[in-house]
Amino acid sequence: MAIPYYVSPEQLMKDKADYARKGIARGRSVVALEYTDGILIMAENPSATLYKISEIYDRIAFAGVGKFSEYEQLRIGGIRLLDIKGYSYSREDVTAKGLANAYSQSLGNIFTAEMKPYECEVLVAAVGDTTAENELFHISFDGSVTDKRGWVGMGGQAETLNEHLRANYPSNYPDDVPDLAAAGSLGLNALKSEDSREISAENLEAAVLDRNKARRKFRRLSPQDVAELVG
């Protein structure tokens, strides 16, 4: 009688986590920084059509790192979920926290129940009426949710990104946050810090959640805007 193949649950979860981390590390990074009028999100992305950053709802933005097809599925699912909730109840009932919890459940279920975990991580950002009311949620491949303040770095060499941001972002948040130009410079330098190489403006994707806009706060920066921001 053949002995059945057995892997301990601890080893199985470790192998899945290692697999997901390697897949995410092969992709380019995303940084999000709170600035005086909202939230800036930047990513190295040479593609002109495959976006890593997008609008989800009035005040809410999404960013993904890792495998494009997987975080794109999450993005589309999030848009549908929030549209239905906003239509069925009220637009004020749509929150970044609710979306982050939904992503957490989906990624957690996939990580534990499926053979192959998703090789992606996502960011849910929401701009508030004041800096203190901004929300940044980082959802990992295993469904773990982290509530961030000031800045977020994920994907690629996230540890290097976060070390750079921690060392250079103003420490007395939320009383002192950078303006948009300073946030753009900090974000670009953080992306460069991964492997000490130059990144041209043509290879950058950037968007802002601007609290000074009318109902829809999301604005994608054009190539000219990006060049001016990092120039």
C-alpha atoms as a PDB file:
ATOM      1  CA  MET A   1       0.000   0.000   0.000  1.00  0.00           C
ATOM      2  CA  ALA A   2       1.450   3.370  -1.066  1.00  0.00           C
ATOM      3  CA  ILE A   3       2.014   5.979   1.619  1.00  0.00           C
ATOM      4  CA  PRO A   4      -0.073   9.089   0.803  1.00  0.00           C
ATOM      5  CA  TYR A   5       1.804  12.275   0.052  1.00  0.00           C
ATOM      6  CA  TYR A   6       1.725  14.640   3.038  1.00  0.00           C
ATOM      7  CA  VAL A   7       2.866  18.219   3.583  1.00  0.00           C
ATOM      8  CA  SER A   8       2.350  19.931   6.911  1.00  0.00           C
ATOM      9  CA  PRO A   9       0.017  22.973   6.873  1.00  0.00           C
ATOM     10  CA  GLU A  10       2.853  25.191   8.102  1.00  0.00           C
ATOM     11  CA  GLN A  11       5.124  24.139   5.222  1.00  0.00           C
ATOM     12  CA  LEU A  12       2.321  24.496   2.679  1.00  0.00           C
ATOM     13  CA  MET A  13       1.539  28.061   3.781  1.00  0.00           C
ATOM     14  CA  LYS A  14       5.240  28.953   3.770  1.00  0.00           C
ATOM     15  CA  ASP A  15       5.685  27.588   0.253  1.00  0.00           C
ATOM     16  CA  LYS A  16       2.661  29.536  -0.980  1.00  0.00           C
ATOM     17  CA  ALA A  17       3.919  32.736   0.637  1.00  0.00           C
ATOM     18  CA  ASP A  18       7.397  32.326  -0.867  1.00  0.00           C
ATOM     19  CA  TYR A  19       5.869  31.687  -4.287  1.00  0.00           C
ATOM     20  CA  ALA A  20       3.697  34.807  -4.091  1.00  0.00           C
ATOM     21  CA  ARG A  21       6.531  37.022  -2.834  1.00  0.00           C
ATOM     22  CA  LYS A  22       8.816  35.946  -5.692  1.00  0.00           C
ATOM     23  CA  GLY A  23       6.133  36.737  -8.243  1.00  0.00           C
ATOM     24  CA  ILE A  24       5.464  40.162  -6.748  1.00  0.00           C
ATOM     25  CA  ALA A  25       9.177  40.986  -6.493  1.00  0.00           C
ATOM     26  CA  ARG A  26       9.571  40.533 -10.252  1.00  0.00           C
ATOM     27  CA  GLY A  27       7.228  43.471 -10.897  1.00  0.00           C
ATOM     28  CA  ARG A  28       7.717  47.206 -10.576  1.00  0.00           C
ATOM     29  CA  SER A  29       6.841  49.086  -7.404  1.00  0.00           C
ATOM     30  CA  VAL A  30       4.153  51.569  -6.387  1.00  0.00           C
ATOM     31  CA  VAL A  31       4.447  54.386  -3.865  1.00  0.00           C
ATOM     32  CA  ALA A  32       1.643  56.465  -2.373  1.00  0.00           C
ATOM     33  CA  LEU A  33       2.283  59.664  -0.424  1.00  0.00           C
ATOM     34  CA  GLU A  34      -0.048  62.047   1.324  1.00  0.00           C
ATOM     35  CA  TYR A  35       0.531  65.671   0.344  1.00  0.00           C
ATOM     36  CA  THR A  36      -1.120  68.944   1.373  1.00  0.00           C
ATOM     37  CA  ASP A  37      -4.142  68.639  -0.948  1.00  0.00           C
ATOM     38  CA  GLY A  38      -4.613  64.888  -1.081  1.00  0.00           C
ATOM     39  CA  ILE A  39      -2.783  61.695  -2.021  1.00  0.00           C
ATOM     40  CA  LEU A  40      -0.206  61.115  -4.777  1.00  0.00           C
ATOM     41  CA  ILE A  41       0.289  57.614  -6.211  1.00  0.00           C
ATOM     42  CA  MET A  42       3.280  56.857  -8.450  1.00  0.00           C
ATOM     43  CA  ALA A  43       4.534  53.742 -10.204  1.00  0.00           C
ATOM     44  CA  GLU A  44       7.206  52.796 -12.680  1.00  0.00           C
ATOM     45  CA  ASN A  45       5.188  51.637 -15.673  1.00  0.00           C
ATOM     46  CA  PRO A  46       6.480  51.865 -19.265  1.00  0.00           C
ATOM     47  CA  SER A  47       3.106  50.764 -20.694  1.00  0.00           C
ATOM     48  CA  ALA A  48       0.793  53.474 -22.011  1.00  0.00           C
ATOM     49  CA  THR A  49      -2.371  51.380 -21.723  1.00  0.00           C
ATOM     50  CA  LEU A  50      -1.934  48.805 -18.934  1.00  0.00           C
ATOM     51  CA  TYR A  51      -2.477  50.911 -15.827  1.00  0.00           C
ATOM     52  CA  LYS A  52      -1.346  50.033 -12.316  1.00  0.00           C
ATOM     53  CA  ILE A  53      -3.309  52.967 -10.812  1.00  0.00           C
ATOM     54  CA  SER A  54      -6.985  53.696 -11.379  1.00  0.00           C
ATOM     55  CA  GLU A  55     -10.134  55.265  -9.985  1.00  0.00           C
ATOM     56  CA  ILE A  56     -12.525  53.024  -8.052  1.00  0.00           C
ATOM     57  CA  TYR A  57     -15.127  55.491  -6.760  1.00  0.00           C
ATOM     58  CA  ASP A  58     -15.631  59.188  -6.019  1.00  0.00           C
ATOM     59  CA  ARG A  59     -12.897  59.534  -3.382  1.00  0.00           C
ATOM     60  CA  ILE A  60     -11.258  56.129  -3.725  1.00  0.00           C
ATOM     61  CA  ALA A  61      -8.291  54.997  -5.845  1.00  0.00           C
ATOM     62  CA  PHE A  62      -6.739  51.586  -6.466  1.00  0.00           C
ATOM     63  CA  ALA A  63      -3.168  50.512  -7.215  1.00  0.00           C
ATOM     64  CA  GLY A  64      -1.780  47.033  -7.809  1.00  0.00           C
ATOM     65  CA  VAL A  65       1.627  45.383  -8.033  1.00  0.00           C
ATOM     66  CA  GLY A  66       2.595  41.929  -9.233  1.00  0.00           C
ATOM     67  CA  LYS A  67       0.716  39.967 -11.878  1.00  0.00           C
ATOM     68  CA  PHE A  68      -1.384  42.347 -13.963  1.00  0.00           C
ATOM     69  CA  SER A  69      -4.184  39.919 -14.852  1.00  0.00           C
ATOM     70  CA  GLU A  70      -4.779  39.112 -11.174  1.00  0.00           C
ATOM     71  CA  TYR A  71      -4.895  42.608  -9.727  1.00  0.00           C
ATOM     72  CA  GLU A  72      -6.937  43.724 -12.751  1.00  0.00           C
ATOM     73  CA  GLN A  73      -9.581  41.152 -11.768  1.00  0.00           C
ATOM     74  CA  LEU A  74      -9.600  42.623  -8.264  1.00  0.00           C
ATOM     75  CA  ARG A  75      -9.915  46.153  -9.633  1.00  0.00           C
ATOM     76  CA  ILE A  76     -12.901  45.292 -11.829  1.00  0.00           C
ATOM     77  CA  GLY A  77     -14.554  43.381  -9.002  1.00  0.00           C
ATOM     78  CA  GLY A  78     -14.060  46.334  -6.665  1.00  0.00           C
ATOM     79  CA  ILE A  79     -15.658  48.772  -9.110  1.00  0.00           C
ATOM     80  CA  ARG A  80     -18.695  46.521  -9.507  1.00  0.00           C
ATOM     81  CA  LEU A  81     -19.026  46.024  -5.758  1.00  0.00           C
ATOM     82  CA  LEU A  82     -18.926  49.732  -4.947  1.00  0.00           C
ATOM     83  CA  ASP A  83     -21.192  50.732  -7.819  1.00  0.00           C
ATOM     84  CA  ILE A  84     -23.850  48.298  -6.616  1.00  0.00           C
ATOM     85  CA  LYS A  85     -23.489  49.450  -2.997  1.00  0.00           C
ATOM     86  CA  GLY A  86     -23.645  53.126  -3.919  1.00  0.00           C
ATOM     87  CA  TYR A  87     -26.703  52.555  -6.108  1.00  0.00           C
ATOM     88  CA  SER A  88     -28.527  50.356  -3.604  1.00  0.00           C
ATOM     89  CA  TYR A  89     -27.891  52.536  -0.550  1.00  0.00           C
ATOM     90  CA  SER A  90     -26.092  55.873  -0.734  1.00  0.00           C
ATOM     91  CA  ARG A  91     -22.819  57.159  -2.146  1.00  0.00           C
ATOM     92  CA  GLU A  92     -21.810  58.106   1.412  1.00  0.00           C
ATOM     93  CA  ASP A  93     -22.057  54.425   2.402  1.00  0.00           C
ATOM     94  CA  VAL A  94     -19.200  53.526   0.054  1.00  0.00           C
ATOM     95  CA  THR A  95     -15.938  53.458   2.043  1.00  0.00           C
ATOM     96  CA  ALA A  96     -12.343  52.491   1.454  1.00  0.00           C
ATOM     97  CA  LYS A  97     -12.426  50.347   4.593  1.00  0.00           C
ATOM     98  CA  GLY A  98     -15.320  48.296   3.218  1.00  0.00           C
ATOM     99  CA  LEU A  99     -13.479  47.718  -0.054  1.00  0.00           C
ATOM    100  CA  ALA A 100     -10.252  46.797   1.775  1.00  0.00           C
ATOM    101  CA  ASN A 101     -12.156  44.244   3.842  1.00  0.00           C
ATOM    102  CA  ALA A 102     -13.675  42.741   0.683  1.00  0.00           C
ATOM    103  CA  TYR A 103     -10.233  42.443  -0.931  1.00  0.00           C
ATOM    104  CA  SER A 104      -8.867  40.953   2.278  1.00  0.00           C
ATOM    105  CA  GLN A 105     -11.515  38.235   2.305  1.00  0.00           C
ATOM    106  CA  SER A 106     -11.032  37.420  -1.373  1.00  0.00           C
ATOM    107  CA  LEU A 107      -7.235  37.235  -1.221  1.00  0.00           C
ATOM    108  CA  GLY A 108      -7.325  35.341   2.088  1.00  0.00           C
ATOM    109  CA  ASN A 109      -9.717  32.727   0.697  1.00  0.00           C
ATOM    110  CA  ILE A 110      -7.641  32.305  -2.447  1.00  0.00           C
ATOM    111  CA  PHE A 111      -4.433  31.984  -0.437  1.00  0.00           C
ATOM    112  CA  THR A 112      -5.789  29.282   1.882  1.00  0.00           C
ATOM    113  CA  ALA A 113      -8.145  27.345  -0.394  1.00  0.00           C
ATOM    114  CA  GLU A 114      -6.555  27.472  -3.854  1.00  0.00           C
ATOM    115  CA  MET A 115      -3.477  25.609  -5.020  1.00  0.00           C
ATOM    116  CA  LYS A 116      -1.852  28.763  -6.394  1.00  0.00           C
ATOM    117  CA  PRO A 117      -2.115  32.088  -4.506  1.00  0.00           C
ATOM    118  CA  TYR A 118      -2.473  35.410  -6.277  1.00  0.00           C
ATOM    119  CA  GLU A 119       0.886  36.987  -7.082  1.00  0.00           C
ATOM    120  CA  CYS A 120      -0.237  40.530  -6.350  1.00  0.00           C
ATOM    121  CA  GLU A 121      -0.793  43.107  -3.642  1.00  0.00           C
ATOM    122  CA  VAL A 122      -3.164  46.047  -3.778  1.00  0.00           C
ATOM    123  CA  LEU A 123      -3.543  49.503  -2.315  1.00  0.00           C
ATOM    124  CA  VAL A 124      -6.865  51.171  -1.538  1.00  0.00           C
ATOM    125  CA  ALA A 125      -6.575  54.929  -0.946  1.00  0.00           C
ATOM    126  CA  ALA A 126      -9.284  57.415  -0.017  1.00  0.00           C
ATOM    127  CA  VAL A 127      -8.898  61.171   0.353  1.00  0.00           C
ATOM    128  CA  GLY A 128     -10.656  62.896   3.242  1.00  0.00           C
ATOM    129  CA  ASP A 129     -11.657  66.491   3.862  1.00  0.00           C
ATOM    130  CA  THR A 130      -8.474  66.885   5.918  1.00  0.00           C
ATOM    131  CA  THR A 131      -5.121  65.121   5.925  1.00  0.00           C
ATOM    132  CA  ALA A 132      -5.985  63.317   9.162  1.00  0.00           C
ATOM    133  CA  GLU A 133      -9.066  61.821   7.460  1.00  0.00           C
ATOM    134  CA  ASN A 134      -7.129  60.275   4.574  1.00  0.00           C
ATOM    135  CA  GLU A 135      -7.081  56.476   4.395  1.00  0.00           C
ATOM    136  CA  LEU A 136      -4.406  54.138   3.009  1.00  0.00           C
ATOM    137  CA  PHE A 137      -4.948  50.364   3.141  1.00  0.00           C
ATOM    138  CA  HIS A 138      -2.286  47.918   1.966  1.00  0.00           C
ATOM    139  CA  ILE A 139      -3.710  44.436   1.302  1.00  0.00           C
ATOM    140  CA  SER A 140      -1.156  41.650   0.971  1.00  0.00           C
ATOM    141  CA  PHE A 141      -1.341  38.474  -1.124  1.00  0.00           C
ATOM    142  CA  ASP A 142      -2.517  36.455   1.908  1.00  0.00           C
ATOM    143  CA  GLY A 143      -5.331  38.852   2.784  1.00  0.00           C
ATOM    144  CA  SER A 144      -3.490  40.746   5.522  1.00  0.00           C
ATOM    145  CA  VAL A 145      -4.621  44.381   5.789  1.00  0.00           C
ATOM    146  CA  THR A 146      -2.423  47.210   7.066  1.00  0.00           C
ATOM    147  CA  ASP A 147      -3.697  50.707   7.773  1.00  0.00           C
ATOM    148  CA  LYS A 148      -0.953  53.145   6.728  1.00  0.00           C
ATOM    149  CA  ARG A 149      -0.308  56.804   7.469  1.00  0.00           C
ATOM    150  CA  GLY A 150       1.703  59.243   5.407  1.00  0.00           C
ATOM    151  CA  TRP A 151       3.124  56.875   2.837  1.00  0.00           C
ATOM    152  CA  VAL A 152       3.043  53.331   1.444  1.00  0.00           C
ATOM    153  CA  GLY A 153       5.607  51.434  -0.621  1.00  0.00           C
ATOM    154  CA  MET A 154       4.806  48.025  -2.089  1.00  0.00           C
ATOM    155  CA  GLY A 155       6.008  45.585  -4.745  1.00  0.00           C
ATOM    156  CA  GLY A 156       9.485  45.010  -6.093  1.00  0.00           C
ATOM    157  CA  GLN A 157      11.906  45.665  -3.238  1.00  0.00           C
ATOM    158  CA  ALA A 158       9.341  46.974  -0.785  1.00  0.00           C
ATOM    159  CA  GLU A 159      11.734  46.935   2.160  1.00  0.00           C
ATOM    160  CA  THR A 160      14.147  49.312   0.410  1.00  0.00           C
ATOM    161  CA  LEU A 161      11.256  51.552  -0.643  1.00  0.00           C
ATOM    162  CA  ASN A 162       9.868  51.786   2.863  1.00  0.00           C
ATOM    163  CA  GLU A 163      13.269  52.484   4.397  1.00  0.00           C
ATOM    164  CA  HIS A 164      13.763  55.409   2.024  1.00  0.00           C
ATOM    165  CA  LEU A 165      10.282  56.804   2.678  1.00  0.00           C
ATOM    166  CA  ARG A 166      10.618  56.364   6.442  1.00  0.00           C
ATOM    167  CA  ALA A 167      13.894  58.277   6.428  1.00  0.00           C
ATOM    168  CA  ASN A 168      12.736  61.162   4.215  1.00  0.00           C
ATOM    169  CA  TYR A 169       9.009  61.700   4.796  1.00  0.00           C
ATOM    170  CA  PRO A 170       8.230  64.434   7.404  1.00  0.00           C
ATOM    171  CA  SER A 171       8.072  62.847  10.830  1.00  0.00           C
ATOM    172  CA  ASN A 172       5.445  65.128  12.422  1.00  0.00           C
ATOM    173  CA  TYR A 173       2.469  63.835  10.420  1.00  0.00           C
ATOM    174  CA  PRO A 174      -0.284  65.084  10.002  1.00  0.00           C
ATOM    175  CA  ASP A 175       0.798  68.594  11.034  1.00  0.00           C
ATOM    176  CA  ASP A 176       3.531  68.705   8.403  1.00  0.00           C
ATOM    177  CA  VAL A 177       3.096  67.004   5.013  1.00  0.00           C
ATOM    178  CA  PRO A 178       4.904  67.838   1.752  1.00  0.00           C
ATOM    179  CA  ASP A 179       3.373  69.778  -1.108  1.00  0.00           C
ATOM    180  CA  LEU A 180       2.767  68.026  -4.432  1.00  0.00           C
ATOM    181  CA  ALA A 181       6.159  68.908  -5.909  1.00  0.00           C
ATOM    182  CA  ALA A 182       8.032  67.664  -2.834  1.00  0.00           C
ATOM    183  CA  ALA A 183       5.921  64.490  -2.748  1.00  0.00           C
ATOM    184  CA  GLY A 184       6.671  63.854  -6.424  1.00  0.00           C
ATOM    185  CA  SER A 185      10.403  64.255  -5.857  1.00  0.00           C
ATOM    186  CA  LEU A 186      10.287  61.967  -2.816  1.00  0.00           C
ATOM    187  CA  GLY A 187       8.272  59.344  -4.672  1.00  0.00           C
ATOM    188  CA  LEU A 188      10.644  59.317  -7.632  1.00  0.00           C
ATOM    189  CA  ASN A 189      13.714  59.060  -5.384  1.00  0.00           C
ATOM    190  CA  ALA A 190      12.075  56.188  -3.510  1.00  0.00           C
ATOM    191  CA  LEU A 191      11.494  54.294  -6.757  1.00  0.00           C
ATOM    192  CA  LYS A 192      15.087  54.987  -7.797  1.00  0.00           C
ATOM    193  CA  SER A 193      16.408  53.723  -4.461  1.00  0.00           C
ATOM    194  CA  GLU A 194      15.473  50.121  -5.279  1.00  0.00           C
ATOM    195  CA  ASP A 195      18.476  49.538  -7.510  1.00  0.00           C
ATOM    196  CA  SER A 196      20.083  52.982  -7.862  1.00  0.00           C
ATOM    197  CA  ARG A 197      19.150  53.628 -11.494  1.00  0.00           C
ATOM    198  CA  GLU A 198      17.568  56.469 -13.401  1.00  0.00           C
ATOM    199  CA  ILE A 199      13.842  56.417 -14.206  1.00  0.00           C
ATOM    200  CA  SER A 200      12.640  58.711 -16.973  1.00  0.00           C
ATOM    201  CA  ALA A 201       9.359  60.592 -16.784  1.00  0.00           C
ATOM    202  CA  GLU A 202       8.105  58.610 -19.801  1.00  0.00           C
ATOM    203  CA  ASN A 203       8.255  55.434 -17.710  1.00  0.00           C
ATOM    204  CA  LEU A 204       6.280  56.866 -14.798  1.00  0.00           C
ATOM    205  CA  GLU A 205       2.559  56.563 -14.139  1.00  0.00           C
ATOM    206  CA  ALA A 206       1.056  58.961 -11.609  1.00  0.00           C
ATOM    207  CA  ALA A 207      -2.342  60.044 -10.337  1.00  0.00           C
ATOM    208  CA  VAL A 208      -3.697  62.122  -7.479  1.00  0.00           C
ATOM    209  CA  LEU A 209      -6.735  62.141  -5.262  1.00  0.00           C
ATOM    210  CA  ASP A 210      -7.289  65.888  -4.999  1.00  0.00           C
ATOM    211  CA  ARG A 211      -9.677  66.965  -2.227  1.00  0.00           C
ATOM    212  CA  ASN A 212     -10.141  70.350  -3.911  1.00  0.00           C
ATOM    213  CA  LYS A 213     -11.913  68.812  -6.906  1.00  0.00           C
ATOM    214  CA  ALA A 214     -15.683  68.380  -7.096  1.00  0.00           C
ATOM    215  CA  ARG A 215     -17.325  65.021  -6.374  1.00  0.00           C
ATOM    216  CA  ARG A 216     -14.849  62.849  -8.277  1.00  0.00           C
ATOM    217  CA  LYS A 217     -11.445  63.414  -6.684  1.00  0.00           C
ATOM    218  CA  PHE A 218      -9.297  61.182  -8.929  1.00  0.00           C
ATOM    219  CA  ARG A 219      -7.102  62.766 -11.591  1.00  0.00           C
ATOM    220  CA  ARG A 220      -4.621  60.887 -13.760  1.00  0.00           C
ATOM    221  CA  LEU A 221      -1.533  62.959 -14.514  1.00  0.00           C
ATOM    222  CA  SER A 222      -0.677  63.372 -18.190  1.00  0.00           C
ATOM    223  CA  PRO A 223       2.879  62.712 -19.429  1.00  0.00           C
ATOM    224  CA  GLN A 224       3.423  66.479 -19.448  1.00  0.00           C
ATOM    225  CA  ASP A 225       2.184  66.772 -15.858  1.00  0.00           C
ATOM    226  CA  VAL A 226       4.451  63.934 -14.761  1.00  0.00           C
ATOM    227  CA  ALA A 227       7.461  65.520 -16.492  1.00  0.00           C
ATOM    228  CA  GLU A 228       6.780  68.826 -14.707  1.00  0.00           C
ATOM    229  CA  LEU A 229       6.219  67.081 -11.391  1.00  0.00           C
ATOM    230  CA  VAL A 230       9.536  65.203 -11.378  1.00  0.00           C
ATOM    231  CA  GLY A 231      11.465  67.794 -13.373  1.00  0.00           C
END
